[in-house]
Amino acid sequence: MPEAADKPHSPRTPGPPPAHHHRDVSGGWLRPAVFGAMDGLVTNVSLISGVGAGGGSVHTVALTGVAGLVAGAFSMATGEYVSVSSQNELVQAEVAKERNELKRNPIGERAELAAAFVAQGVEPELARKVVEQISAQPDHGLTLHVREELGVDPHDLPSPLTAAGASFASFTLGAIIPLAPYLFGSQLLWLALVLAALGALIGGGAVGKLTSRPVWFSALRQLLLAAVAAGATYLIGNLIGTGVG
């Protein structure tokens, strides 16, 4: 049989590049959630250690822990809400300032933006053309100016409510870990300390996993920080309790 003629290989039509997704790093939930959980854990285990070492009764320790949980959760949520709101208001004020500057001195602002592109390695003529094209759409031009000059996206600001809610929930979760034995009537301070140590290890390890850092390093770092705080208040509570007695 005659050999089949070789078929020319038709070039494969290039498709879109594989999609990859980044985690939300600007939504305003991760930092307050992590900070709230660790703060709740460290704050309450420190309170419980100090009061327990000072000879406080189960009722006193439990009351202290509950008060610390409620006060801390609301304080954290309020602080996060005010902090993120103030930050967003500052950004919006700077955006308004940039908008006025674009109206007052459009040529100078375009030259400034083009120079920023050139500094990043873009050819001067190409930088000028890109700036001119983008500036033809005022909203896009303003957004680009803000990104270059302030380093933020005015359309992707963190939510104050998200930050406050994440902080409140995570603080409560962290604070209840060392408090749980006392809520069930236990008088064993060491049990609260062990639970807090486990919570610190797990929480720190989870943060390491989420941020692609060594899990063991993040876990031990959080355990060490919690141990220092709890140890300091335990020593103070023991000294005061002994002195009072």
C-alpha atoms as a PDB file:
ATOM      1  CA  MET A   1       0.000   0.000   0.000  1.00  0.00           C
ATOM      2  CA  PRO A   2       1.285   3.458  -0.763  1.00  0.00           C
ATOM      3  CA  GLU A   3       2.420   5.260   2.266  1.00  0.00           C
ATOM      4  CA  ALA A   4       0.011   7.821   3.446  1.00  0.00           C
ATOM      5  CA  ALA A   5       1.157  11.296   2.766  1.00  0.00           C
ATOM      6  CA  ASP A   6       2.247  13.136   5.796  1.00  0.00           C
ATOM      7  CA  LYS A   7      -0.451  15.494   6.907  1.00  0.00           C
ATOM      8  CA  PRO A   8       0.756  18.942   7.695  1.00  0.00           C
ATOM      9  CA  HIS A   9       0.399  19.743  11.321  1.00  0.00           C
ATOM     10  CA  SER A  10      -2.025  22.605  11.663  1.00  0.00           C
ATOM     11  CA  PRO A  11      -0.922  25.003  14.324  1.00  0.00           C
ATOM     12  CA  ARG A  12      -2.968  24.664  17.473  1.00  0.00           C
ATOM     13  CA  THR A  13      -5.085  27.685  18.072  1.00  0.00           C
ATOM     14  CA  PRO A  14      -3.796  29.222  21.265  1.00  0.00           C
ATOM     15  CA  GLY A  15      -6.447  29.256  23.923  1.00  0.00           C
ATOM     16  CA  PRO A  16      -6.765  31.517  26.899  1.00  0.00           C
ATOM     17  CA  PRO A  17      -4.101  31.035  29.536  1.00  0.00           C
ATOM     18  CA  PRO A  18      -5.048  28.765  32.426  1.00  0.00           C
ATOM     19  CA  ALA A  19      -7.076  30.689  34.939  1.00  0.00           C
ATOM     20  CA  HIS A  20      -5.646  31.144  38.387  1.00  0.00           C
ATOM     21  CA  HIS A  21      -7.289  32.809  41.289  1.00  0.00           C
ATOM     22  CA  HIS A  22      -5.806  34.752  44.139  1.00  0.00           C
ATOM     23  CA  ARG A  23      -7.244  34.785  47.598  1.00  0.00           C
ATOM     24  CA  ASP A  24      -8.950  37.938  48.731  1.00  0.00           C
ATOM     25  CA  VAL A  25      -6.220  39.983  50.392  1.00  0.00           C
ATOM     26  CA  SER A  26      -8.018  43.312  50.477  1.00  0.00           C
ATOM     27  CA  GLY A  27     -11.514  42.415  51.673  1.00  0.00           C
ATOM     28  CA  GLY A  28     -10.777  43.382  55.237  1.00  0.00           C
ATOM     29  CA  TRP A  29     -11.526  40.054  56.948  1.00  0.00           C
ATOM     30  CA  LEU A  30      -8.264  38.119  57.279  1.00  0.00           C
ATOM     31  CA  ARG A  31      -6.264  40.546  59.412  1.00  0.00           C
ATOM     32  CA  PRO A  32      -9.050  41.270  61.942  1.00  0.00           C
ATOM     33  CA  ALA A  33     -10.022  37.587  62.070  1.00  0.00           C
ATOM     34  CA  VAL A  34      -6.489  36.438  62.821  1.00  0.00           C
ATOM     35  CA  PHE A  35      -5.801  39.310  65.190  1.00  0.00           C
ATOM     36  CA  GLY A  36      -9.150  38.876  66.932  1.00  0.00           C
ATOM     37  CA  ALA A  37      -8.758  35.128  67.490  1.00  0.00           C
ATOM     38  CA  MET A  38      -5.246  35.399  68.836  1.00  0.00           C
ATOM     39  CA  ASP A  39      -6.101  38.462  70.921  1.00  0.00           C
ATOM     40  CA  GLY A  40      -9.142  36.739  72.401  1.00  0.00           C
ATOM     41  CA  LEU A  41      -7.114  33.653  73.273  1.00  0.00           C
ATOM     42  CA  VAL A  42      -4.152  35.531  74.759  1.00  0.00           C
ATOM     43  CA  THR A  43      -6.293  38.084  76.599  1.00  0.00           C
ATOM     44  CA  ASN A  44      -8.545  35.567  78.301  1.00  0.00           C
ATOM     45  CA  VAL A  45      -5.907  32.997  79.146  1.00  0.00           C
ATOM     46  CA  SER A  46      -3.890  35.832  80.686  1.00  0.00           C
ATOM     47  CA  LEU A  47      -6.875  37.062  82.709  1.00  0.00           C
ATOM     48  CA  ILE A  48      -7.714  33.558  83.833  1.00  0.00           C
ATOM     49  CA  SER A  49      -4.097  32.803  84.705  1.00  0.00           C
ATOM     50  CA  GLY A  50      -3.716  35.950  86.773  1.00  0.00           C
ATOM     51  CA  VAL A  51      -7.004  35.617  88.676  1.00  0.00           C
ATOM     52  CA  GLY A  52      -6.618  31.859  89.094  1.00  0.00           C
ATOM     53  CA  ALA A  53      -3.056  32.164  90.382  1.00  0.00           C
ATOM     54  CA  GLY A  54      -4.213  34.845  92.791  1.00  0.00           C
ATOM     55  CA  GLY A  55      -6.605  32.413  94.457  1.00  0.00           C
ATOM     56  CA  GLY A  56      -9.849  33.447  92.772  1.00  0.00           C
ATOM     57  CA  SER A  57     -12.799  31.094  93.105  1.00  0.00           C
ATOM     58  CA  VAL A  58     -14.297  29.246  90.151  1.00  0.00           C
ATOM     59  CA  HIS A  59     -17.110  31.793  90.076  1.00  0.00           C
ATOM     60  CA  THR A  60     -14.670  34.709  90.112  1.00  0.00           C
ATOM     61  CA  VAL A  61     -12.505  33.248  87.357  1.00  0.00           C
ATOM     62  CA  ALA A  62     -15.547  32.441  85.213  1.00  0.00           C
ATOM     63  CA  LEU A  63     -16.985  35.916  85.730  1.00  0.00           C
ATOM     64  CA  THR A  64     -13.642  37.482  84.847  1.00  0.00           C
ATOM     65  CA  GLY A  65     -13.389  35.374  81.713  1.00  0.00           C
ATOM     66  CA  VAL A  66     -16.928  36.160  80.555  1.00  0.00           C
ATOM     67  CA  ALA A  67     -16.426  39.861  81.201  1.00  0.00           C
ATOM     68  CA  GLY A  68     -13.146  39.762  79.299  1.00  0.00           C
ATOM     69  CA  LEU A  69     -14.812  37.949  76.396  1.00  0.00           C
ATOM     70  CA  VAL A  70     -17.754  40.345  76.069  1.00  0.00           C
ATOM     71  CA  ALA A  71     -15.755  43.523  76.632  1.00  0.00           C
ATOM     72  CA  GLY A  72     -12.940  42.420  74.356  1.00  0.00           C
ATOM     73  CA  ALA A  73     -15.210  41.283  71.512  1.00  0.00           C
ATOM     74  CA  PHE A  74     -17.126  44.555  71.441  1.00  0.00           C
ATOM     75  CA  SER A  75     -13.944  46.581  71.844  1.00  0.00           C
ATOM     76  CA  MET A  76     -12.245  44.773  68.972  1.00  0.00           C
ATOM     77  CA  ALA A  77     -15.277  45.081  66.704  1.00  0.00           C
ATOM     78  CA  THR A  78     -15.694  48.774  67.470  1.00  0.00           C
ATOM     79  CA  GLY A  79     -12.013  49.446  66.967  1.00  0.00           C
ATOM     80  CA  GLU A  80     -11.924  47.621  63.634  1.00  0.00           C
ATOM     81  CA  TYR A  81     -15.050  49.386  62.381  1.00  0.00           C
ATOM     82  CA  VAL A  82     -13.736  52.838  63.273  1.00  0.00           C
ATOM     83  CA  SER A  83     -10.237  52.057  62.006  1.00  0.00           C
ATOM     84  CA  VAL A  84     -11.316  50.705  58.612  1.00  0.00           C
ATOM     85  CA  SER A  85     -13.962  53.424  58.190  1.00  0.00           C
ATOM     86  CA  SER A  86     -11.389  56.130  58.926  1.00  0.00           C
ATOM     87  CA  GLN A  87      -8.902  54.568  56.533  1.00  0.00           C
ATOM     88  CA  ASN A  88     -11.524  54.433  53.757  1.00  0.00           C
ATOM     89  CA  GLU A  89     -12.553  58.021  54.428  1.00  0.00           C
ATOM     90  CA  LEU A  90      -8.926  59.105  54.148  1.00  0.00           C
ATOM     91  CA  VAL A  91      -8.578  57.291  50.825  1.00  0.00           C
ATOM     92  CA  GLN A  92     -11.793  58.849  49.529  1.00  0.00           C
ATOM     93  CA  ALA A  93     -10.551  62.299  50.548  1.00  0.00           C
ATOM     94  CA  GLU A  94      -7.327  61.715  48.646  1.00  0.00           C
ATOM     95  CA  VAL A  95      -9.290  60.457  45.624  1.00  0.00           C
ATOM     96  CA  ALA A  96     -11.346  63.660  45.664  1.00  0.00           C
ATOM     97  CA  LYS A  97      -8.122  65.653  45.874  1.00  0.00           C
ATOM     98  CA  GLU A  98      -6.695  63.769  42.890  1.00  0.00           C
ATOM     99  CA  ARG A  99      -9.926  64.301  40.923  1.00  0.00           C
ATOM    100  CA  ASN A 100      -9.698  68.058  41.486  1.00  0.00           C
ATOM    101  CA  GLU A 101      -6.035  68.046  40.524  1.00  0.00           C
ATOM    102  CA  LEU A 102      -6.832  66.249  37.259  1.00  0.00           C
ATOM    103  CA  LYS A 103      -9.381  68.943  36.434  1.00  0.00           C
ATOM    104  CA  ARG A 104      -7.066  71.786  37.421  1.00  0.00           C
ATOM    105  CA  ASN A 105      -3.861  70.538  35.817  1.00  0.00           C
ATOM    106  CA  PRO A 106      -4.610  67.628  33.439  1.00  0.00           C
ATOM    107  CA  ILE A 107      -1.443  68.047  31.357  1.00  0.00           C
ATOM    108  CA  GLY A 108       0.854  68.019  34.362  1.00  0.00           C
ATOM    109  CA  GLU A 109      -0.905  65.012  35.885  1.00  0.00           C
ATOM    110  CA  ARG A 110      -0.632  63.065  32.637  1.00  0.00           C
ATOM    111  CA  ALA A 111       3.053  63.891  32.393  1.00  0.00           C
ATOM    112  CA  GLU A 112       3.525  62.726  35.972  1.00  0.00           C
ATOM    113  CA  LEU A 113       1.792  59.427  35.260  1.00  0.00           C
ATOM    114  CA  ALA A 114       3.769  58.883  32.058  1.00  0.00           C
ATOM    115  CA  ALA A 115       6.997  59.524  33.959  1.00  0.00           C
ATOM    116  CA  ALA A 116       5.945  56.871  36.491  1.00  0.00           C
ATOM    117  CA  PHE A 117       5.508  54.358  33.661  1.00  0.00           C
ATOM    118  CA  VAL A 118       8.875  55.301  32.177  1.00  0.00           C
ATOM    119  CA  ALA A 119      10.490  54.742  35.571  1.00  0.00           C
ATOM    120  CA  GLN A 120       9.091  51.195  35.454  1.00  0.00           C
ATOM    121  CA  GLY A 121      10.744  50.509  32.096  1.00  0.00           C
ATOM    122  CA  VAL A 122       8.111  51.589  29.557  1.00  0.00           C
ATOM    123  CA  GLU A 123       9.320  53.451  26.477  1.00  0.00           C
ATOM    124  CA  PRO A 124       8.543  57.193  26.794  1.00  0.00           C
ATOM    125  CA  GLU A 125       6.458  57.370  23.626  1.00  0.00           C
ATOM    126  CA  LEU A 126       4.471  54.258  24.529  1.00  0.00           C
ATOM    127  CA  ALA A 127       3.950  55.578  28.067  1.00  0.00           C
ATOM    128  CA  ARG A 128       2.601  58.846  26.671  1.00  0.00           C
ATOM    129  CA  LYS A 129       0.214  57.033  24.311  1.00  0.00           C
ATOM    130  CA  VAL A 130      -1.048  54.743  27.084  1.00  0.00           C
ATOM    131  CA  VAL A 131      -1.693  57.686  29.387  1.00  0.00           C
ATOM    132  CA  GLU A 132      -3.490  59.599  26.637  1.00  0.00           C
ATOM    133  CA  GLN A 133      -5.696  56.626  25.813  1.00  0.00           C
ATOM    134  CA  ILE A 134      -6.588  55.909  29.423  1.00  0.00           C
ATOM    135  CA  SER A 135      -7.148  59.566  30.225  1.00  0.00           C
ATOM    136  CA  ALA A 136      -9.783  59.712  27.502  1.00  0.00           C
ATOM    137  CA  GLN A 137     -11.961  57.820  29.991  1.00  0.00           C
ATOM    138  CA  PRO A 138     -11.953  60.071  33.075  1.00  0.00           C
ATOM    139  CA  ASP A 139     -13.002  57.401  35.580  1.00  0.00           C
ATOM    140  CA  HIS A 140     -10.331  54.970  34.401  1.00  0.00           C
ATOM    141  CA  GLY A 141      -7.748  57.718  34.366  1.00  0.00           C
ATOM    142  CA  LEU A 142      -8.576  58.708  37.939  1.00  0.00           C
ATOM    143  CA  THR A 143      -8.390  55.100  39.119  1.00  0.00           C
ATOM    144  CA  LEU A 144      -4.973  54.642  37.527  1.00  0.00           C
ATOM    145  CA  HIS A 145      -3.647  57.866  39.042  1.00  0.00           C
ATOM    146  CA  VAL A 146      -4.848  56.788  42.478  1.00  0.00           C
ATOM    147  CA  ARG A 147      -3.277  53.351  42.127  1.00  0.00           C
ATOM    148  CA  GLU A 148       0.060  54.781  41.075  1.00  0.00           C
ATOM    149  CA  GLU A 149       0.209  57.613  43.606  1.00  0.00           C
ATOM    150  CA  LEU A 150      -1.566  56.100  46.630  1.00  0.00           C
ATOM    151  CA  GLY A 151      -1.024  52.402  46.031  1.00  0.00           C
ATOM    152  CA  VAL A 152      -4.703  51.528  46.541  1.00  0.00           C
ATOM    153  CA  ASP A 153      -7.665  50.650  44.357  1.00  0.00           C
ATOM    154  CA  PRO A 154     -10.498  53.072  45.208  1.00  0.00           C
ATOM    155  CA  HIS A 155     -13.022  50.496  43.989  1.00  0.00           C
ATOM    156  CA  ASP A 156     -11.704  47.700  46.204  1.00  0.00           C
ATOM    157  CA  LEU A 157     -11.587  49.111  49.709  1.00  0.00           C
ATOM    158  CA  PRO A 158     -12.106  46.865  52.751  1.00  0.00           C
ATOM    159  CA  SER A 159     -15.538  46.741  54.354  1.00  0.00           C
ATOM    160  CA  PRO A 160     -15.799  48.149  57.910  1.00  0.00           C
ATOM    161  CA  LEU A 161     -18.703  45.808  58.676  1.00  0.00           C
ATOM    162  CA  THR A 162     -16.784  42.777  57.443  1.00  0.00           C
ATOM    163  CA  ALA A 163     -13.772  43.729  59.543  1.00  0.00           C
ATOM    164  CA  ALA A 164     -15.910  44.353  62.633  1.00  0.00           C
ATOM    165  CA  GLY A 165     -17.870  41.116  62.257  1.00  0.00           C
ATOM    166  CA  ALA A 166     -14.754  39.018  61.663  1.00  0.00           C
ATOM    167  CA  SER A 167     -13.053  40.580  64.666  1.00  0.00           C
ATOM    168  CA  PHE A 168     -16.046  40.089  66.971  1.00  0.00           C
ATOM    169  CA  ALA A 169     -16.597  36.447  66.001  1.00  0.00           C
ATOM    170  CA  SER A 170     -12.945  35.448  66.070  1.00  0.00           C
ATOM    171  CA  PHE A 171     -12.254  37.181  69.407  1.00  0.00           C
ATOM    172  CA  THR A 172     -15.214  35.354  70.942  1.00  0.00           C
ATOM    173  CA  LEU A 173     -13.976  32.027  69.591  1.00  0.00           C
ATOM    174  CA  GLY A 174     -10.451  32.581  70.869  1.00  0.00           C
ATOM    175  CA  ALA A 175     -11.563  33.860  74.280  1.00  0.00           C
ATOM    176  CA  ILE A 176     -13.921  30.984  75.006  1.00  0.00           C
ATOM    177  CA  ILE A 177     -11.211  28.311  74.651  1.00  0.00           C
ATOM    178  CA  PRO A 178      -9.465  28.858  78.015  1.00  0.00           C
ATOM    179  CA  LEU A 179     -12.773  29.857  79.640  1.00  0.00           C
ATOM    180  CA  ALA A 180     -14.628  26.654  78.743  1.00  0.00           C
ATOM    181  CA  PRO A 181     -13.454  24.505  81.708  1.00  0.00           C
ATOM    182  CA  TYR A 182     -14.603  27.124  84.231  1.00  0.00           C
ATOM    183  CA  LEU A 183     -17.981  27.456  82.567  1.00  0.00           C
ATOM    184  CA  PHE A 184     -18.479  23.752  83.284  1.00  0.00           C
ATOM    185  CA  GLY A 185     -17.432  24.112  86.908  1.00  0.00           C
ATOM    186  CA  SER A 186     -13.843  22.880  86.658  1.00  0.00           C
ATOM    187  CA  GLN A 187     -11.308  24.283  89.112  1.00  0.00           C
ATOM    188  CA  LEU A 188      -8.276  23.079  87.148  1.00  0.00           C
ATOM    189  CA  LEU A 189      -6.246  26.030  85.949  1.00  0.00           C
ATOM    190  CA  TRP A 190      -3.840  23.732  84.175  1.00  0.00           C
ATOM    191  CA  LEU A 191      -6.682  22.453  81.989  1.00  0.00           C
ATOM    192  CA  ALA A 192      -7.463  25.984  80.837  1.00  0.00           C
ATOM    193  CA  LEU A 193      -3.763  26.529  80.103  1.00  0.00           C
ATOM    194  CA  VAL A 194      -3.498  23.288  78.118  1.00  0.00           C
ATOM    195  CA  LEU A 195      -6.571  24.167  76.046  1.00  0.00           C
ATOM    196  CA  ALA A 196      -5.162  27.635  75.413  1.00  0.00           C
ATOM    197  CA  ALA A 197      -1.825  26.123  74.341  1.00  0.00           C
ATOM    198  CA  LEU A 198      -3.594  23.780  71.916  1.00  0.00           C
ATOM    199  CA  GLY A 199      -5.652  26.683  70.598  1.00  0.00           C
ATOM    200  CA  ALA A 200      -2.509  28.747  70.066  1.00  0.00           C
ATOM    201  CA  LEU A 201      -0.805  25.898  68.217  1.00  0.00           C
ATOM    202  CA  ILE A 202      -3.822  25.205  66.000  1.00  0.00           C
ATOM    203  CA  GLY A 203      -4.529  28.883  65.334  1.00  0.00           C
ATOM    204  CA  GLY A 204      -0.916  29.682  64.576  1.00  0.00           C
ATOM    205  CA  GLY A 205      -0.605  26.626  62.352  1.00  0.00           C
ATOM    206  CA  ALA A 206      -3.763  27.591  60.452  1.00  0.00           C
ATOM    207  CA  VAL A 207      -2.352  31.040  59.817  1.00  0.00           C
ATOM    208  CA  GLY A 208       0.874  29.498  58.547  1.00  0.00           C
ATOM    209  CA  LYS A 209      -1.086  27.217  56.215  1.00  0.00           C
ATOM    210  CA  LEU A 210      -3.194  30.095  54.933  1.00  0.00           C
ATOM    211  CA  THR A 211      -0.207  32.345  54.280  1.00  0.00           C
ATOM    212  CA  SER A 212       2.011  29.549  52.883  1.00  0.00           C
ATOM    213  CA  ARG A 213       4.513  29.928  55.727  1.00  0.00           C
ATOM    214  CA  PRO A 214       5.979  26.967  57.644  1.00  0.00           C
ATOM    215  CA  VAL A 215       3.156  25.641  59.788  1.00  0.00           C
ATOM    216  CA  TRP A 216       5.450  24.631  62.644  1.00  0.00           C
ATOM    217  CA  PHE A 217       7.027  28.090  62.791  1.00  0.00           C
ATOM    218  CA  SER A 218       3.686  29.925  62.907  1.00  0.00           C
ATOM    219  CA  ALA A 219       2.310  27.481  65.490  1.00  0.00           C
ATOM    220  CA  LEU A 220       5.307  27.719  67.811  1.00  0.00           C
ATOM    221  CA  ARG A 221       5.488  31.485  67.435  1.00  0.00           C
ATOM    222  CA  GLN A 222       1.889  31.871  68.563  1.00  0.00           C
ATOM    223  CA  LEU A 223       2.384  29.407  71.414  1.00  0.00           C
ATOM    224  CA  LEU A 224       5.439  31.307  72.642  1.00  0.00           C
ATOM    225  CA  LEU A 225       3.668  34.669  72.577  1.00  0.00           C
ATOM    226  CA  ALA A 226       0.660  33.292  74.437  1.00  0.00           C
ATOM    227  CA  ALA A 227       2.907  31.577  76.982  1.00  0.00           C
ATOM    228  CA  VAL A 228       4.818  34.782  77.704  1.00  0.00           C
ATOM    229  CA  ALA A 229       1.606  36.750  78.306  1.00  0.00           C
ATOM    230  CA  ALA A 230      -0.037  34.041  80.426  1.00  0.00           C
ATOM    231  CA  GLY A 231       3.180  33.453  82.374  1.00  0.00           C
ATOM    232  CA  ALA A 232       3.556  37.141  83.191  1.00  0.00           C
ATOM    233  CA  THR A 233       0.005  37.501  84.511  1.00  0.00           C
ATOM    234  CA  TYR A 234       0.265  34.201  86.387  1.00  0.00           C
ATOM    235  CA  LEU A 235       3.382  35.467  88.176  1.00  0.00           C
ATOM    236  CA  ILE A 236       1.750  38.805  89.005  1.00  0.00           C
ATOM    237  CA  GLY A 237      -1.455  37.132  90.210  1.00  0.00           C
ATOM    238  CA  ASN A 238       0.523  34.702  92.364  1.00  0.00           C
ATOM    239  CA  LEU A 239       2.590  37.469  93.913  1.00  0.00           C
ATOM    240  CA  ILE A 240      -0.449  39.611  94.654  1.00  0.00           C
ATOM    241  CA  GLY A 241      -2.455  36.652  95.982  1.00  0.00           C
ATOM    242  CA  THR A 242       0.385  35.599  98.248  1.00  0.00           C
ATOM    243  CA  GLY A 243       0.874  39.153  99.486  1.00  0.00           C
ATOM    244  CA  VAL A 244      -2.808  39.594 100.242  1.00  0.00           C
ATOM    245  CA  GLY A 245      -2.949  36.305 102.015  1.00  0.00           C
END
